[in-house]
C-alpha atoms as a PDB file:
ATOM      1  CA  UNK A   1     -61.607 -22.353  -4.774  1.00  0.00           C
ATOM      2  CA  UNK A   2     -59.155 -25.019  -3.925  1.00  0.00           C
ATOM      3  CA  UNK A   3     -56.873 -23.663  -6.659  1.00  0.00           C
ATOM      4  CA  UNK A   4     -56.585 -20.297  -5.069  1.00  0.00           C
ATOM      5  CA  UNK A   5     -55.659 -21.572  -1.533  1.00  0.00           C
ATOM      6  CA  UNK A   6     -53.267 -23.564  -3.110  1.00  0.00           C
ATOM      7  CA  UNK A   7     -51.846 -20.409  -4.869  1.00  0.00           C
ATOM      8  CA  UNK A   8     -51.912 -17.886  -2.103  1.00  0.00           C
ATOM      9  CA  UNK A   9     -48.416 -20.157  -0.052  1.00  0.00           C
ATOM     10  CA  UNK A  10     -46.967 -20.266  -3.598  1.00  0.00           C
ATOM     11  CA  UNK A  11     -47.194 -16.476  -4.088  1.00  0.00           C
ATOM     12  CA  UNK A  12     -45.569 -16.004  -0.528  1.00  0.00           C
ATOM     13  CA  UNK A  13     -43.039 -17.979  -1.473  1.00  0.00           C
ATOM     14  CA  UNK A  14     -42.272 -16.050  -4.453  1.00  0.00           C
ATOM     15  CA  UNK A  15     -42.423 -12.811  -2.925  1.00  0.00           C
ATOM     16  CA  UNK A  16     -40.181 -14.145   0.022  1.00  0.00           C
ATOM     17  CA  UNK A  17     -37.586 -15.305  -2.247  1.00  0.00           C
ATOM     18  CA  UNK A  18     -37.445 -11.970  -3.926  1.00  0.00           C
ATOM     19  CA  UNK A  19     -36.725 -10.419  -0.849  1.00  0.00           C
ATOM     20  CA  UNK A  20     -33.921 -12.562  -0.352  1.00  0.00           C
ATOM     21  CA  UNK A  21     -32.098 -12.169  -3.599  1.00  0.00           C
ATOM     22  CA  UNK A  22     -32.568  -8.589  -3.637  1.00  0.00           C
ATOM     23  CA  UNK A  23     -30.910  -8.414   0.202  1.00  0.00           C
ATOM     24  CA  UNK A  24     -27.945 -10.899  -1.565  1.00  0.00           C
ATOM     25  CA  UNK A  25     -27.504  -7.857  -4.454  1.00  0.00           C
ATOM     26  CA  UNK A  26     -27.452  -5.346  -1.678  1.00  0.00           C
ATOM     27  CA  UNK A  27     -24.746  -7.348  -0.060  1.00  0.00           C
ATOM     28  CA  UNK A  28     -23.027  -8.175  -2.792  1.00  0.00           C
ATOM     29  CA  UNK A  29     -22.924  -4.754  -4.049  1.00  0.00           C
ATOM     30  CA  UNK A  30     -21.497  -3.690  -0.101  1.00  0.00           C
ATOM     31  CA  UNK A  31     -18.930  -6.335  -0.286  1.00  0.00           C
ATOM     32  CA  UNK A  32     -17.754  -4.477  -3.730  1.00  0.00           C
ATOM     33  CA  UNK A  33     -17.540  -1.183  -2.338  1.00  0.00           C
ATOM     34  CA  UNK A  34     -15.891  -2.022   0.976  1.00  0.00           C
ATOM     35  CA  UNK A  35     -13.111  -4.601  -1.151  1.00  0.00           C
ATOM     36  CA  UNK A  36     -12.737  -1.492  -3.308  1.00  0.00           C
ATOM     37  CA  UNK A  37     -12.494   1.045  -0.609  1.00  0.00           C
ATOM     38  CA  UNK A  38      -9.971  -1.306   0.914  1.00  0.00           C
ATOM     39  CA  UNK A  39      -8.107  -1.224  -2.335  1.00  0.00           C
ATOM     40  CA  UNK A  40      -8.229   2.430  -2.772  1.00  0.00           C
ATOM     41  CA  UNK A  41      -6.608   2.332   0.927  1.00  0.00           C
ATOM     42  CA  UNK A  42      -3.921   0.068  -0.089  1.00  0.00           C
ATOM     43  CA  UNK A  43      -2.999   1.850  -2.853  1.00  0.00           C
ATOM     44  CA  UNK A  44      -2.696   5.037  -1.177  1.00  0.00           C
ATOM     45  CA  UNK A  45      -0.918   3.721   1.961  1.00  0.00           C
ATOM     46  CA  UNK A  46       1.834   2.091  -0.247  1.00  0.00           C
ATOM     47  CA  UNK A  47       2.634   4.930  -2.669  1.00  0.00           C
ATOM     48  CA  UNK A  48       2.455   7.043   0.258  1.00  0.00           C
ATOM     49  CA  UNK A  49       5.570   4.154   1.281  1.00  0.00           C
ATOM     50  CA  UNK A  50       7.484   4.597  -1.570  1.00  0.00           C
ATOM     51  CA  UNK A  51       7.063   8.496  -1.812  1.00  0.00           C
ATOM     52  CA  UNK A  52       8.482   8.678   1.358  1.00  0.00           C
ATOM     53  CA  UNK A  53      11.332   6.006   0.172  1.00  0.00           C
ATOM     54  CA  UNK A  54      12.447   8.201  -2.874  1.00  0.00           C
ATOM     55  CA  UNK A  55      12.510  11.587  -1.140  1.00  0.00           C
ATOM     56  CA  UNK A  56      14.413   9.752   1.797  1.00  0.00           C
ATOM     57  CA  UNK A  57      16.954   8.144  -0.927  1.00  0.00           C
ATOM     58  CA  UNK A  58      17.773  11.502  -2.962  1.00  0.00           C
ATOM     59  CA  UNK A  59      18.091  13.196   0.730  1.00  0.00           C
ATOM     60  CA  UNK A  60      20.384  10.448   2.199  1.00  0.00           C
ATOM     61  CA  UNK A  61      22.338  10.763  -1.767  1.00  0.00           C
ATOM     62  CA  UNK A  62      22.630  14.505  -0.946  1.00  0.00           C
ATOM     63  CA  UNK A  63      23.577  14.298   2.664  1.00  0.00           C
ATOM     64  CA  UNK A  64      25.561  10.746   3.216  1.00  0.00           C
ATOM     65  CA  UNK A  65      28.807  10.392   3.670  1.00  0.00           C
ATOM     66  CA  UNK A  66      29.279   6.912   3.544  1.00  0.00           C
ATOM     67  CA  UNK A  67      30.343   5.764  -0.295  1.00  0.00           C
ATOM     68  CA  UNK A  68      29.444   2.885  -0.120  1.00  0.00           C
ATOM     69  CA  UNK A  69      25.429   3.488   1.346  1.00  0.00           C
ATOM     70  CA  UNK A  70      25.331   6.420  -1.101  1.00  0.00           C
ATOM     71  CA  UNK A  71      25.952   4.236  -4.113  1.00  0.00           C
ATOM     72  CA  UNK A  72      23.687   1.559  -2.655  1.00  0.00           C
ATOM     73  CA  UNK A  73      21.085   4.430  -2.339  1.00  0.00           C
ATOM     74  CA  UNK A  74      22.057   5.746  -6.301  1.00  0.00           C
ATOM     75  CA  UNK A  75      21.284   2.328  -7.392  1.00  0.00           C
ATOM     76  CA  UNK A  76      17.910   1.360  -6.015  1.00  0.00           C
ATOM     77  CA  UNK A  77      16.429   4.512  -6.527  1.00  0.00           C
ATOM     78  CA  UNK A  78      15.658   4.154 -10.026  1.00  0.00           C
ATOM     79  CA  UNK A  79      13.882   0.865  -8.677  1.00  0.00           C
ATOM     80  CA  UNK A  80      11.692   2.773  -6.192  1.00  0.00           C
ATOM     81  CA  UNK A  81      10.859   5.216  -9.163  1.00  0.00           C
ATOM     82  CA  UNK A  82       9.923   2.477 -11.069  1.00  0.00           C
ATOM     83  CA  UNK A  83       7.595   1.077  -8.623  1.00  0.00           C
ATOM     84  CA  UNK A  84       6.172   4.470  -8.012  1.00  0.00           C
ATOM     85  CA  UNK A  85       5.452   4.955 -11.821  1.00  0.00           C
ATOM     86  CA  UNK A  86       3.888   1.462 -11.887  1.00  0.00           C
ATOM     87  CA  UNK A  87       1.782   2.142  -8.960  1.00  0.00           C
ATOM     88  CA  UNK A  88       0.580   5.532 -10.674  1.00  0.00           C
ATOM     89  CA  UNK A  89      -0.311   3.424 -13.858  1.00  0.00           C
ATOM     90  CA  UNK A  90      -2.140   0.796 -12.057  1.00  0.00           C
ATOM     91  CA  UNK A  91      -4.484   3.386 -10.079  1.00  0.00           C
ATOM     92  CA  UNK A  92      -5.854   5.509 -12.646  1.00  0.00           C
ATOM     93  CA  UNK A  93      -6.380   2.200 -14.859  1.00  0.00           C
ATOM     94  CA  UNK A  94      -8.423   0.900 -11.629  1.00  0.00           C
ATOM     95  CA  UNK A  95      -9.669   4.579 -11.217  1.00  0.00           C
ATOM     96  CA  UNK A  96      -8.414   4.909  -7.525  1.00  0.00           C
ATOM     97  CA  UNK A  97      -7.338   8.147  -6.910  1.00  0.00           C
ATOM     98  CA  UNK A  98      -3.868   8.500  -5.256  1.00  0.00           C
ATOM     99  CA  UNK A  99      -4.037  11.299  -2.361  1.00  0.00           C
ATOM    100  CA  UNK A 100      -1.195  13.298  -1.175  1.00  0.00           C
ATOM    101  CA  UNK A 101       1.845  12.030   1.009  1.00  0.00           C
ATOM    102  CA  UNK A 102       0.965  11.472   4.891  1.00  0.00           C
ATOM    103  CA  UNK A 103       1.452  13.982   7.537  1.00  0.00           C
ATOM    104  CA  UNK A 104       3.984  11.154   9.498  1.00  0.00           C
ATOM    105  CA  UNK A 105       6.030  10.464   6.267  1.00  0.00           C
ATOM    106  CA  UNK A 106       6.202  14.255   5.677  1.00  0.00           C
ATOM    107  CA  UNK A 107       7.471  14.679  10.247  1.00  0.00           C
ATOM    108  CA  UNK A 108      10.216  11.455   9.439  1.00  0.00           C
ATOM    109  CA  UNK A 109      12.069  13.341   6.651  1.00  0.00           C
ATOM    110  CA  UNK A 110      11.793  17.062   8.372  1.00  0.00           C
ATOM    111  CA  UNK A 111      13.289  14.889  10.789  1.00  0.00           C
ATOM    112  CA  UNK A 112      15.898  13.473   8.765  1.00  0.00           C
ATOM    113  CA  UNK A 113      16.400  17.160   7.112  1.00  0.00           C
ATOM    114  CA  UNK A 114      17.420  18.920  10.752  1.00  0.00           C
ATOM    115  CA  UNK A 115      19.521  15.719  11.261  1.00  0.00           C
ATOM    116  CA  UNK A 116      23.103  16.672  12.407  1.00  0.00           C
ATOM    117  CA  UNK A 117      25.790  16.256   9.645  1.00  0.00           C
ATOM    118  CA  UNK A 118      28.105  14.572  12.111  1.00  0.00           C
ATOM    119  CA  UNK A 119      25.972  11.479  12.356  1.00  0.00           C
ATOM    120  CA  UNK A 120      23.631  11.765   9.501  1.00  0.00           C
ATOM    121  CA  UNK A 121      24.840   8.338   8.624  1.00  0.00           C
ATOM    122  CA  UNK A 122      24.180   7.039  11.540  1.00  0.00           C
ATOM    123  CA  UNK A 123      20.678   8.665  11.770  1.00  0.00           C
ATOM    124  CA  UNK A 124      19.458   7.399   8.522  1.00  0.00           C
ATOM    125  CA  UNK A 125      19.862   3.880   8.988  1.00  0.00           C
ATOM    126  CA  UNK A 126      18.024   4.325  12.432  1.00  0.00           C
ATOM    127  CA  UNK A 127      15.218   5.918  10.866  1.00  0.00           C
ATOM    128  CA  UNK A 128      15.226   3.902   8.137  1.00  0.00           C
ATOM    129  CA  UNK A 129      15.350   0.601   9.602  1.00  0.00           C
ATOM    130  CA  UNK A 130      12.515   1.755  11.804  1.00  0.00           C
ATOM    131  CA  UNK A 131      10.554   2.049   8.376  1.00  0.00           C
ATOM    132  CA  UNK A 132      11.773  -0.999   6.779  1.00  0.00           C
ATOM    133  CA  UNK A 133      10.282  -3.316  10.068  1.00  0.00           C
ATOM    134  CA  UNK A 134       7.066  -1.353  10.319  1.00  0.00           C
ATOM    135  CA  UNK A 135       6.713  -1.338   6.336  1.00  0.00           C
ATOM    136  CA  UNK A 136       7.226  -5.031   5.908  1.00  0.00           C
ATOM    137  CA  UNK A 137       5.476  -5.846   9.037  1.00  0.00           C
ATOM    138  CA  UNK A 138       2.395  -3.531   7.778  1.00  0.00           C
ATOM    139  CA  UNK A 139       2.578  -4.761   3.795  1.00  0.00           C
ATOM    140  CA  UNK A 140       2.937  -8.621   4.920  1.00  0.00           C
ATOM    141  CA  UNK A 141      -0.399  -8.072   6.728  1.00  0.00           C
ATOM    142  CA  UNK A 142      -2.477  -7.175   3.932  1.00  0.00           C
ATOM    143  CA  UNK A 143      -4.074  -8.927   1.944  1.00  0.00           C
ATOM    144  CA  UNK A 144      -5.438  -7.860  -1.721  1.00  0.00           C
ATOM    145  CA  UNK A 145      -7.771  -9.573  -3.903  1.00  0.00           C
ATOM    146  CA  UNK A 146      -6.537  -7.320  -6.882  1.00  0.00           C
ATOM    147  CA  UNK A 147      -4.373  -9.072  -9.027  1.00  0.00           C
ATOM    148  CA  UNK A 148      -2.658  -6.183 -10.353  1.00  0.00           C
ATOM    149  CA  UNK A 149      -2.143  -4.984  -6.611  1.00  0.00           C
ATOM    150  CA  UNK A 150      -1.499  -8.620  -5.593  1.00  0.00           C
ATOM    151  CA  UNK A 151       1.847  -8.196  -8.151  1.00  0.00           C
ATOM    152  CA  UNK A 152       2.728  -5.065  -7.622  1.00  0.00           C
ATOM    153  CA  UNK A 153       2.176  -5.844  -3.405  1.00  0.00           C
ATOM    154  CA  UNK A 154       4.657  -8.843  -4.151  1.00  0.00           C
ATOM    155  CA  UNK A 155       7.701  -6.479  -5.959  1.00  0.00           C
ATOM    156  CA  UNK A 156       7.018  -4.126  -3.315  1.00  0.00           C
ATOM    157  CA  UNK A 157       7.893  -6.487  -0.582  1.00  0.00           C
ATOM    158  CA  UNK A 158      11.010  -8.250  -2.531  1.00  0.00           C
ATOM    159  CA  UNK A 159      12.244  -4.533  -2.199  1.00  0.00           C
ATOM    160  CA  UNK A 160      11.858  -4.371   1.070  1.00  0.00           C
ATOM    161  CA  UNK A 161      13.452  -7.437   2.039  1.00  0.00           C
ATOM    162  CA  UNK A 162      16.429  -6.639  -0.107  1.00  0.00           C
ATOM    163  CA  UNK A 163      16.710  -3.337   1.806  1.00  0.00           C
ATOM    164  CA  UNK A 164      16.446  -4.755   4.952  1.00  0.00           C
ATOM    165  CA  UNK A 165      19.184  -7.210   4.364  1.00  0.00           C
ATOM    166  CA  UNK A 166      21.155  -4.110   3.073  1.00  0.00           C
ATOM    167  CA  UNK A 167      19.914  -2.110   6.151  1.00  0.00           C
ATOM    168  CA  UNK A 168      20.560  -4.676   8.657  1.00  0.00           C
ATOM    169  CA  UNK A 169      24.489  -5.937   8.046  1.00  0.00           C
ATOM    170  CA  UNK A 170      25.242  -1.909   8.033  1.00  0.00           C
ATOM    171  CA  UNK A 171      26.430  -0.715  11.756  1.00  0.00           C
END
């Protein structure tokens, strides 16, 4: 009889420990899902930004009158296209679906496309500087745990800072 009294508390301890293990497993699954969702959000946000840059550079190449700026856009367009392709490949290898372009970027491109030809260079530089400032700030605030995307984030950050240096010098 005494053995039963001894075994009963032991059984209760084992049952309660088992419940804690199940809670920990659920919590870790939730954290993993949240990490995957935040990574997917990051990828889509960055891919949208890069797509906007590619479209803006193409528009700039068509309409800008400053030959130095036009040459800069032509030279750095391939760098952005390569980065865009790298994001696509890395996203597909991590089973992340890339969404379509954001409405905000489409509106910005529309505003650029209807800008007056006479002042297009100044308008382009103004809009692009605003884009660079907000994108750099947003990118710096992101914390990415996926190593592949962290490398792409760093590469993209370097491209943005190089562009910021160039555009800050322009008048």
